[in-house]
């Protein structure tokens, strides 16, 4: 057997595998002899069937099977031994003159080679690392939400400002008449005209409404009526709403009883301490969002600033035939367009990890799992287990491949985040959460 590689250009190559009869015939002969020992053919005793009959029936299929095994092993070993960095998988080249009736076989495979490139960490345009603060307005809203959440519900005779209304929406959806129980806040209703239809109404009253422009947010309409996500935007139909309950909330007092419910006995004793705790907790969560935004911005920068070509034609062909379902040329081209950016970053990330020895060890995973267990226990007010039990729980978690993969990705993202903060030039920008959302997700 002979295997060789011919470079077409820097990104494309062809591997040729020559398989001779002497490479596969000994194994084929052995299998045929084994078949003969066990073959049951009328008119012949077991083990006495003429070899010619056995060959006629089985030889070609055995040859095909054995040659394919040799071929796959040869390809895999060659790629490993030559340390070829390829994209996708080798694609067999069709040969109109190929025949299994010959003694020798020649197979050609197309390869898409991974490009070579250098990464420039000297950002011409600085990446932004946000520092998100919880300002007084944010903390005021959080305190108000807490007081409302733990407040006392008071039944009202009619709908008033700030009311919470329970009722049944009746409407036609997807060709059928629907009835949907819903709880809505009057603050969700959009516009003075709609508000007037609710204010002053009592239990048992039936309101005739139009869904278009009824709620401030389409998602509120989606939840209230049980619509599919895509249907909620622009959903325009007539509905009735029958009121069954009207309440308002008397906000809870900011006292020790409430503080103890929120944080445990005597952990917080004043409103000032409550506001400090809210600010600390919120800004810790904001930091995760800011870090993710920085990671996304760094990723985009590296993709834009790291220039290299890809074996596009090869990859489109591989996408066309490599999946569970074969794609048309147009579908494969569209899929390539969708996945090209992700592939470029995979190559960049892989090179960064290799050049800087960024990897996630089992010890890293174990320690991370133990940390998560401790955080979860603390969240639910449970005591942290002894060290031995912690390790046992972590081992059980890591036995789950999906969970291990998820944690591995999280840890690698953290390593990359730390690396980018060290290597890339960036500017720090401080702003409120509201302004952060407006600027980043505009």
Protein backbone atom coordinates (compact mmCIF):
# COMPACT_ATOMS: atom_id res chain seq x y z
CA UNK A 1 0.00 0.00 0.00
CA UNK A 2 1.23 3.49 -0.83
CA UNK A 3 -0.11 6.84 0.35
CA UNK A 4 0.99 10.27 -0.83
CA UNK A 5 -0.08 13.92 -0.65
CA UNK A 6 -0.07 16.47 -3.45
CA UNK A 7 -0.51 20.16 -2.61
CA UNK A 8 -2.85 22.01 -4.97
CA UNK A 9 -2.26 25.33 -3.19
CA UNK A 10 -1.77 26.46 0.41
CA UNK A 11 -5.34 25.58 1.35
CA UNK A 12 -6.11 22.53 -0.79
CA UNK A 13 -4.44 19.16 -1.25
CA UNK A 14 -5.17 15.64 -2.53
CA UNK A 15 -4.25 12.44 -0.76
CA UNK A 16 -3.85 9.36 -2.97
CA UNK A 17 -4.03 5.87 -1.50
CA UNK A 18 -2.90 2.87 -3.62
CA UNK A 19 -4.05 -0.51 -2.31
CA UNK A 20 -2.61 -3.66 -3.90
CA UNK A 21 -4.02 -7.17 -3.85
CA UNK A 22 -1.31 -8.33 -1.47
CA UNK A 23 -2.53 -5.73 1.08
CA UNK A 24 -5.97 -7.25 1.49
CA UNK A 25 -5.88 -10.78 0.04
CA UNK A 26 -4.48 -12.64 3.11
CA UNK A 27 -7.33 -11.32 5.29
CA UNK A 28 -9.90 -12.06 2.58
CA UNK A 29 -8.63 -15.67 2.25
CA UNK A 30 -8.84 -16.19 6.00
CA UNK A 31 -12.44 -14.89 6.15
CA UNK A 32 -13.44 -17.10 3.20
CA UNK A 33 -11.98 -20.16 4.93
CA UNK A 34 -13.90 -19.30 8.10
CA UNK A 35 -17.10 -18.93 6.05
CA UNK A 36 -16.48 -22.35 4.45
CA UNK A 37 -16.23 -24.00 7.86
CA UNK A 38 -19.66 -22.78 8.91
CA UNK A 39 -21.52 -22.51 5.57
CA UNK A 40 -24.68 -24.61 5.27
CA UNK A 41 -25.49 -25.44 1.61
CA UNK A 42 -27.97 -28.15 0.58
CA UNK A 43 -26.17 -31.19 -0.89
CA UNK A 44 -22.90 -30.54 1.01
CA UNK A 45 -21.75 -31.45 4.47
CA UNK A 46 -20.77 -28.54 6.73
CA UNK A 47 -17.17 -27.60 5.98
CA UNK A 48 -17.17 -29.42 2.63
CA UNK A 49 -18.71 -26.72 0.44
CA UNK A 50 -16.41 -26.08 -2.58
CA UNK A 51 -14.34 -22.94 -2.14
CA UNK A 52 -15.39 -21.79 -5.61
CA UNK A 53 -19.00 -21.56 -4.44
CA UNK A 54 -17.98 -19.64 -1.32
CA UNK A 55 -15.91 -17.19 -3.37
CA UNK A 56 -18.66 -16.67 -5.91
CA UNK A 57 -21.11 -15.76 -3.18
CA UNK A 58 -18.99 -13.81 -0.70
CA UNK A 59 -15.58 -12.77 -2.09
CA UNK A 60 -16.43 -9.41 -3.62
CA UNK A 61 -18.33 -8.13 -0.58
CA UNK A 62 -15.47 -9.23 1.71
CA UNK A 63 -12.93 -7.47 -0.53
CA UNK A 64 -14.98 -4.26 -0.45
CA UNK A 65 -15.24 -4.42 3.33
CA UNK A 66 -11.54 -5.14 3.91
CA UNK A 67 -10.33 -2.52 1.43
CA UNK A 68 -12.51 0.12 3.08
CA UNK A 69 -11.09 -0.79 6.49
CA UNK A 70 -7.53 -0.53 5.17
CA UNK A 71 -8.37 2.76 3.49
CA UNK A 72 -9.83 4.36 6.62
CA UNK A 73 -6.90 3.24 8.79
CA UNK A 74 -4.39 4.47 6.22
CA UNK A 75 -6.04 7.90 6.01
CA UNK A 76 -6.28 8.36 9.78
CA UNK A 77 -2.70 7.24 10.40
CA UNK A 78 -1.35 9.46 7.61
CA UNK A 79 -3.10 12.55 8.94
CA UNK A 80 -1.73 11.87 12.44
CA UNK A 81 1.80 10.97 11.37
CA UNK A 82 2.13 13.92 9.01
CA UNK A 83 0.50 16.23 11.59
CA UNK A 84 -1.82 17.68 8.97
CA UNK A 85 -4.12 20.40 10.25
CA UNK A 86 -7.25 19.98 8.17
CA UNK A 87 -10.74 21.46 8.14
CA UNK A 88 -13.74 19.17 7.92
CA UNK A 89 -13.04 15.62 6.72
CA UNK A 90 -11.37 14.23 3.59
CA UNK A 91 -13.80 14.12 0.65
CA UNK A 92 -13.49 11.17 -1.77
CA UNK A 93 -13.01 12.21 -5.38
CA UNK A 94 -15.30 10.37 -7.80
CA UNK A 95 -13.61 8.13 -10.41
CA UNK A 96 -15.73 7.10 -13.39
CA UNK A 97 -13.29 4.28 -14.25
CA UNK A 98 -13.23 2.74 -10.79
CA UNK A 99 -14.16 -0.96 -10.58
CA UNK A 100 -14.17 -3.50 -7.77
CA UNK A 101 -13.35 -6.18 -10.35
CA UNK A 102 -9.72 -5.05 -10.46
CA UNK A 103 -6.96 -6.34 -8.18
CA UNK A 104 -5.51 -2.94 -7.32
CA UNK A 105 -7.39 0.17 -6.29
CA UNK A 106 -6.55 3.88 -6.32
CA UNK A 107 -8.48 6.32 -4.10
CA UNK A 108 -8.14 10.10 -4.16
CA UNK A 109 -9.35 12.37 -1.35
CA UNK A 110 -9.64 16.15 -1.30
CA UNK A 111 -8.34 17.95 1.78
CA UNK A 112 -9.11 21.45 3.04
CA UNK A 113 -6.08 22.71 4.93
CA UNK A 114 -6.27 25.03 7.93
CA UNK A 115 -4.72 28.42 7.10
CA UNK A 116 -1.60 29.76 8.79
CA UNK A 117 -1.87 33.25 10.25
CA UNK A 118 -0.56 35.59 12.92
CA UNK A 119 -2.67 37.29 15.57
CA UNK A 120 -2.16 41.00 16.24
CA UNK A 121 -3.13 41.95 19.78
CA UNK A 122 -2.21 45.63 19.29
CA UNK A 123 -5.73 46.95 18.79
CA UNK A 124 -5.91 49.98 16.54
CA UNK A 125 -9.39 50.72 17.86
CA UNK A 126 -9.60 50.09 21.59
CA UNK A 127 -12.14 47.57 22.87
CA UNK A 128 -14.47 48.86 25.60
CA UNK A 129 -14.65 47.25 29.03
CA UNK A 130 -17.78 48.52 30.75
CA UNK A 131 -18.09 49.14 34.47
CA UNK A 132 -21.81 49.10 35.21
CA UNK A 133 -23.00 50.84 38.35
CA UNK A 134 -26.27 50.52 40.23
CA UNK A 135 -27.32 54.15 40.63
CA UNK A 136 -29.88 55.53 43.09
CA UNK A 137 -32.69 55.25 40.53
CA UNK A 138 -31.97 51.56 40.00
CA UNK A 139 -31.78 50.89 43.74
CA UNK A 140 -35.02 52.83 44.29
CA UNK A 141 -36.76 50.57 41.76
CA UNK A 142 -35.35 47.45 43.41
CA UNK A 143 -36.49 48.55 46.85
CA UNK A 144 -39.94 49.32 45.42
CA UNK A 145 -40.11 45.89 43.77
CA UNK A 146 -39.13 44.16 47.02
CA UNK A 147 -41.77 46.05 48.99
CA UNK A 148 -44.37 45.16 46.38
CA UNK A 149 -43.31 41.50 46.19
CA UNK A 150 -43.62 41.07 49.96
CA UNK A 151 -46.58 43.42 50.29
CA UNK A 152 -50.18 42.67 51.25
CA UNK A 153 -52.86 42.15 48.58
CA UNK A 154 -55.98 44.24 49.14
CA UNK A 155 -59.20 43.43 47.29
CA UNK A 156 -60.71 46.40 45.47
CA UNK A 157 -64.32 46.98 44.39
CA UNK A 158 -63.23 48.48 41.07
CA UNK A 159 -60.13 48.98 38.95
CA UNK A 160 -57.99 51.83 40.29
CA UNK A 161 -54.46 53.09 39.53
CA UNK A 162 -51.87 50.43 40.31
CA UNK A 163 -54.41 47.59 40.22
CA UNK A 164 -53.64 43.97 39.54
CA UNK A 165 -56.45 42.42 37.50
CA UNK A 166 -57.25 38.72 37.08
CA UNK A 167 -59.62 37.64 34.31
CA UNK A 168 -60.26 35.61 31.18
CA UNK A 169 -59.37 36.67 27.64
CA UNK A 170 -61.66 35.26 24.92
CA UNK A 171 -60.53 35.47 21.29
CA UNK A 172 -60.00 33.55 18.07
CA UNK A 173 -56.51 32.18 17.41
CA UNK A 174 -55.35 29.72 14.76
CA UNK A 175 -58.93 29.17 13.64
CA UNK A 176 -60.23 28.23 17.08
CA UNK A 177 -61.97 30.10 19.89
CA UNK A 178 -59.60 30.49 22.84
CA UNK A 179 -60.09 31.28 26.53
CA UNK A 180 -57.01 32.21 28.50
CA UNK A 181 -56.77 32.98 32.21
CA UNK A 182 -54.48 35.94 32.72
CA UNK A 183 -53.18 38.24 35.42
CA UNK A 184 -52.20 41.71 34.27
CA UNK A 185 -50.92 44.86 35.93
CA UNK A 186 -52.64 48.07 34.94
CA UNK A 187 -49.15 49.53 34.41
CA UNK A 188 -48.71 47.11 31.48
CA UNK A 189 -51.60 48.69 29.57
CA UNK A 190 -50.60 51.17 26.87
CA UNK A 191 -52.20 54.58 26.25
CA UNK A 192 -54.89 56.65 27.92
CA UNK A 193 -57.66 55.28 25.68
CA UNK A 194 -57.04 51.69 26.80
CA UNK A 195 -56.57 52.71 30.45
CA UNK A 196 -60.00 54.39 30.47
CA UNK A 197 -61.57 51.09 29.41
CA UNK A 198 -60.21 49.45 32.60
CA UNK A 199 -60.49 52.21 35.21
CA UNK A 200 -63.69 52.01 37.27
CA UNK A 201 -64.65 48.52 36.00
CA UNK A 202 -65.82 45.89 38.51
CA UNK A 203 -65.69 42.11 38.92
CA UNK A 204 -67.90 40.49 36.29
CA UNK A 205 -67.58 43.35 33.80
CA UNK A 206 -66.66 42.36 30.24
CA UNK A 207 -64.29 44.66 28.31
CA UNK A 208 -64.12 44.71 24.51
CA UNK A 209 -60.54 45.36 23.44
CA UNK A 210 -58.20 45.30 20.43
CA UNK A 211 -54.86 43.56 20.90
CA UNK A 212 -52.93 45.99 18.68
CA UNK A 213 -51.36 48.57 20.98
CA UNK A 214 -53.02 47.10 24.08
CA UNK A 215 -49.78 46.40 26.00
CA UNK A 216 -46.60 48.42 26.33
CA UNK A 217 -44.59 45.33 25.34
CA UNK A 218 -45.46 42.63 22.79
CA UNK A 219 -44.07 40.02 25.19
CA UNK A 220 -46.72 41.02 27.76
CA UNK A 221 -49.38 40.33 25.11
CA UNK A 222 -47.71 37.01 24.27
CA UNK A 223 -47.83 35.84 27.91
CA UNK A 224 -51.33 37.16 28.59
CA UNK A 225 -52.86 35.43 25.56
CA UNK A 226 -50.54 32.41 25.35
CA UNK A 227 -49.38 33.27 21.83
CA UNK A 228 -46.43 31.81 19.95
CA UNK A 229 -43.45 34.17 20.04
CA UNK A 230 -43.52 34.97 16.33
CA UNK A 231 -47.28 35.66 16.41
CA UNK A 232 -47.12 38.17 19.25
CA UNK A 233 -45.47 40.90 17.18
CA UNK A 234 -48.18 42.71 15.26
CA UNK A 235 -50.98 40.43 16.53
CA UNK A 236 -54.19 42.33 15.77
CA UNK A 237 -57.57 40.93 16.72
CA UNK A 238 -60.64 41.71 18.84
CA UNK A 239 -60.77 40.17 22.33
CA UNK A 240 -63.01 40.32 25.36
CA UNK A 241 -61.69 40.36 28.92
CA UNK A 242 -63.97 39.24 31.77
CA UNK A 243 -62.76 40.54 35.14
CA UNK A 244 -62.78 38.01 37.99
CA UNK A 245 -60.54 39.67 40.62
CA UNK A 246 -59.17 43.15 41.35
CA UNK A 247 -56.46 43.82 43.91
CA UNK A 248 -53.84 46.37 44.81
CA UNK A 249 -50.69 45.81 46.81
CA UNK A 250 -49.96 47.57 50.06
CA UNK A 251 -46.14 47.74 50.04
CA UNK A 252 -44.35 45.94 52.85
CA UNK A 253 -42.76 48.03 55.57
CA UNK A 254 -38.98 48.28 55.50
CA UNK A 255 -38.55 46.71 58.93
CA UNK A 256 -36.54 43.95 60.59
CA UNK A 257 -39.14 41.30 59.73
CA UNK A 258 -38.69 42.01 56.01
CA UNK A 259 -34.89 42.23 56.28
CA UNK A 260 -34.79 38.83 58.01
CA UNK A 261 -36.97 37.28 55.28
CA UNK A 262 -34.61 38.56 52.64
CA UNK A 263 -31.18 37.90 54.17
CA UNK A 264 -31.58 35.85 57.33
CA UNK A 265 -31.89 36.92 60.94
CA UNK A 266 -30.13 40.18 61.82
CA UNK A 267 -27.89 40.14 58.70
CA UNK A 268 -29.37 43.51 57.62
CA UNK A 269 -30.76 46.02 60.12
CA UNK A 270 -31.37 49.30 58.30
CA UNK A 271 -32.66 50.58 54.97
CA UNK A 272 -29.19 51.95 54.26
CA UNK A 273 -27.69 48.47 54.73
CA UNK A 274 -30.41 47.05 52.46
CA UNK A 275 -29.55 49.54 49.72
CA UNK A 276 -25.85 48.76 50.10
CA UNK A 277 -26.55 45.02 49.75
CA UNK A 278 -28.75 45.60 46.67
CA UNK A 279 -26.01 47.71 45.05
CA UNK A 280 -23.32 45.11 45.79
CA UNK A 281 -25.40 42.19 44.51
CA UNK A 282 -26.55 44.03 41.39
CA UNK A 283 -23.07 45.21 40.44
CA UNK A 284 -21.70 41.68 40.82
CA UNK A 285 -24.32 40.52 38.31
CA UNK A 286 -23.62 43.52 36.09
CA UNK A 287 -19.94 42.57 36.04
CA UNK A 288 -20.83 39.23 34.45
CA UNK A 289 -22.72 41.06 31.70
CA UNK A 290 -19.89 43.55 31.23
CA UNK A 291 -17.34 40.74 30.98
CA UNK A 292 -19.47 38.89 28.44
CA UNK A 293 -19.79 42.07 26.39
CA UNK A 294 -16.01 42.56 26.53
CA UNK A 295 -15.47 38.95 25.45
CA UNK A 296 -17.87 39.45 22.52
CA UNK A 297 -16.16 42.72 21.52
CA UNK A 298 -12.72 41.11 21.74
CA UNK A 299 -13.94 38.21 19.62
CA UNK A 300 -15.31 40.56 16.97
CA UNK A 301 -12.07 42.56 16.97
CA UNK A 302 -9.91 39.48 16.50
CA UNK A 303 -12.09 38.19 13.65
CA UNK A 304 -11.96 41.56 11.89
CA UNK A 305 -8.24 42.16 12.42
CA UNK A 306 -6.93 38.64 11.73
CA UNK A 307 -6.90 38.17 7.99
CA UNK A 308 -6.63 34.75 6.35
CA UNK A 309 -8.23 32.81 3.52
CA UNK A 310 -10.28 29.65 3.92
CA UNK A 311 -10.72 26.75 1.47
CA UNK A 312 -14.24 28.00 0.79
CA UNK A 313 -15.07 25.73 -2.16
CA UNK A 314 -13.91 22.66 -0.24
CA UNK A 315 -15.88 23.62 2.87
CA UNK A 316 -19.07 24.22 0.86
CA UNK A 317 -18.67 20.80 -0.74
CA UNK A 318 -18.03 19.22 2.68
CA UNK A 319 -21.12 20.92 4.14
CA UNK A 320 -23.12 19.68 1.17
CA UNK A 321 -22.33 15.99 1.69
CA UNK A 322 -21.02 15.73 5.26
CA UNK A 323 -24.21 16.03 7.30
CA UNK A 324 -27.04 13.63 8.04
CA UNK A 325 -29.03 15.25 5.23
CA UNK A 326 -27.40 16.05 1.90
CA UNK A 327 -27.75 19.72 0.94
CA UNK A 328 -28.11 21.37 -2.42
CA UNK A 329 -25.27 23.62 -3.63
CA UNK A 330 -27.36 26.67 -2.74
CA UNK A 331 -28.15 25.36 0.75
CA UNK A 332 -24.49 24.50 1.37
CA UNK A 333 -23.39 27.96 0.22
CA UNK A 334 -25.93 29.59 2.56
CA UNK A 335 -24.80 27.40 5.46
CA UNK A 336 -21.19 28.34 4.79
CA UNK A 337 -22.08 32.05 4.90
CA UNK A 338 -23.81 31.51 8.25
CA UNK A 339 -20.96 29.54 9.79
CA UNK A 340 -17.90 31.30 8.33
CA UNK A 341 -17.51 33.82 11.15
CA UNK A 342 -17.79 31.10 13.79
CA UNK A 343 -15.24 28.94 11.98
CA UNK A 344 -12.79 31.84 11.76
CA UNK A 345 -13.06 32.43 15.48
CA UNK A 346 -12.66 28.71 16.25
CA UNK A 347 -9.35 28.78 14.36
CA UNK A 348 -8.24 31.99 16.10
CA UNK A 349 -9.24 30.69 19.53
CA UNK A 350 -7.53 27.38 18.89
CA UNK A 351 -4.28 29.11 17.93
CA UNK A 352 -4.46 31.43 20.96
CA UNK A 353 -5.01 28.46 23.26
CA UNK A 354 -2.15 26.51 21.68
CA UNK A 355 0.36 29.35 21.64
CA UNK A 356 -0.41 30.42 25.21
CA UNK A 357 -1.07 27.00 26.77
CA UNK A 358 -4.66 27.88 27.67
CA UNK A 359 -6.37 24.65 28.63
CA UNK A 360 -8.85 23.31 31.14
CA UNK A 361 -7.54 20.46 33.27
CA UNK A 362 -9.60 17.92 35.20
CA UNK A 363 -8.39 19.61 38.39
CA UNK A 364 -9.77 22.93 37.09
CA UNK A 365 -13.13 21.28 36.40
CA UNK A 366 -13.20 19.60 39.81
CA UNK A 367 -12.45 22.84 41.68
CA UNK A 368 -15.02 24.72 39.60
CA UNK A 369 -17.67 22.10 40.31
CA UNK A 370 -16.93 22.27 44.05
CA UNK A 371 -17.23 26.07 43.97
CA UNK A 372 -20.59 25.86 42.20
CA UNK A 373 -21.86 23.31 44.73
CA UNK A 374 -20.90 25.60 47.60
CA UNK A 375 -22.61 28.59 45.97
CA UNK A 376 -25.78 26.62 45.36
CA UNK A 377 -25.88 25.34 48.95
CA UNK A 378 -25.41 28.88 50.27
CA UNK A 379 -28.14 30.20 47.97
CA UNK A 380 -30.67 27.84 49.51
CA UNK A 381 -29.41 28.37 53.05
CA UNK A 382 -28.01 24.85 53.35
CA UNK A 383 -24.77 23.99 55.18
CA UNK A 384 -21.68 23.36 53.04
CA UNK A 385 -20.91 19.59 53.03
CA UNK A 386 -17.66 18.18 54.39
CA UNK A 387 -14.73 18.13 51.94
CA UNK A 388 -15.05 14.40 51.21
CA UNK A 389 -18.74 14.73 50.37
CA UNK A 390 -18.04 17.80 48.23
CA UNK A 391 -15.55 15.78 46.17
CA UNK A 392 -18.02 12.93 45.78
CA UNK A 393 -20.77 15.28 44.57
CA UNK A 394 -18.32 16.93 42.15
CA UNK A 395 -17.31 13.51 40.76
CA UNK A 396 -20.96 12.66 40.13
CA UNK A 397 -21.47 15.95 38.30
CA UNK A 398 -18.38 15.40 36.15
CA UNK A 399 -19.62 11.93 35.22
CA UNK A 400 -22.28 13.73 33.17
CA UNK A 401 -20.63 14.49 29.81
CA UNK A 402 -23.00 17.32 28.89
CA UNK A 403 -22.49 19.03 32.25
CA UNK A 404 -18.72 18.59 31.98
CA UNK A 405 -18.71 20.08 28.47
CA UNK A 406 -20.77 23.08 29.66
CA UNK A 407 -18.40 23.76 32.57
CA UNK A 408 -15.36 23.29 30.33
CA UNK A 409 -16.69 25.93 27.94
CA UNK A 410 -17.36 28.32 30.83
CA UNK A 411 -13.85 27.86 32.22
CA UNK A 412 -12.21 28.32 28.82
CA UNK A 413 -14.25 31.50 28.30
CA UNK A 414 -12.95 32.78 31.64
CA UNK A 415 -9.35 31.96 30.69
CA UNK A 416 -9.78 33.74 27.36
CA UNK A 417 -11.41 36.72 29.09
CA UNK A 418 -8.44 37.04 31.48
CA UNK A 419 -6.02 36.65 28.57
CA UNK A 420 -7.76 39.35 26.48
CA UNK A 421 -7.78 41.76 29.44
CA UNK A 422 -4.01 41.25 29.72
CA UNK A 423 -3.15 41.36 26.00
CA UNK A 424 -5.61 43.73 24.33
CA UNK A 425 -5.66 47.49 24.64
CA UNK A 426 -9.00 48.60 26.00
CA UNK A 427 -10.74 51.60 27.51
CA UNK A 428 -12.92 51.44 30.61
CA UNK A 429 -16.29 53.14 30.53
CA UNK A 430 -18.49 53.62 33.61
CA UNK A 431 -22.24 53.95 33.16
CA UNK A 432 -25.57 52.92 34.66
CA UNK A 433 -27.27 49.68 33.76
CA UNK A 434 -29.99 51.56 31.87
CA UNK A 435 -27.39 53.40 29.79
CA UNK A 436 -25.43 50.18 29.27
CA UNK A 437 -28.49 48.45 27.81
CA UNK A 438 -29.26 51.46 25.61
CA UNK A 439 -25.68 51.62 24.30
CA UNK A 440 -24.90 47.94 23.82
CA UNK A 441 -28.26 46.54 22.79
CA UNK A 442 -29.55 49.55 20.88
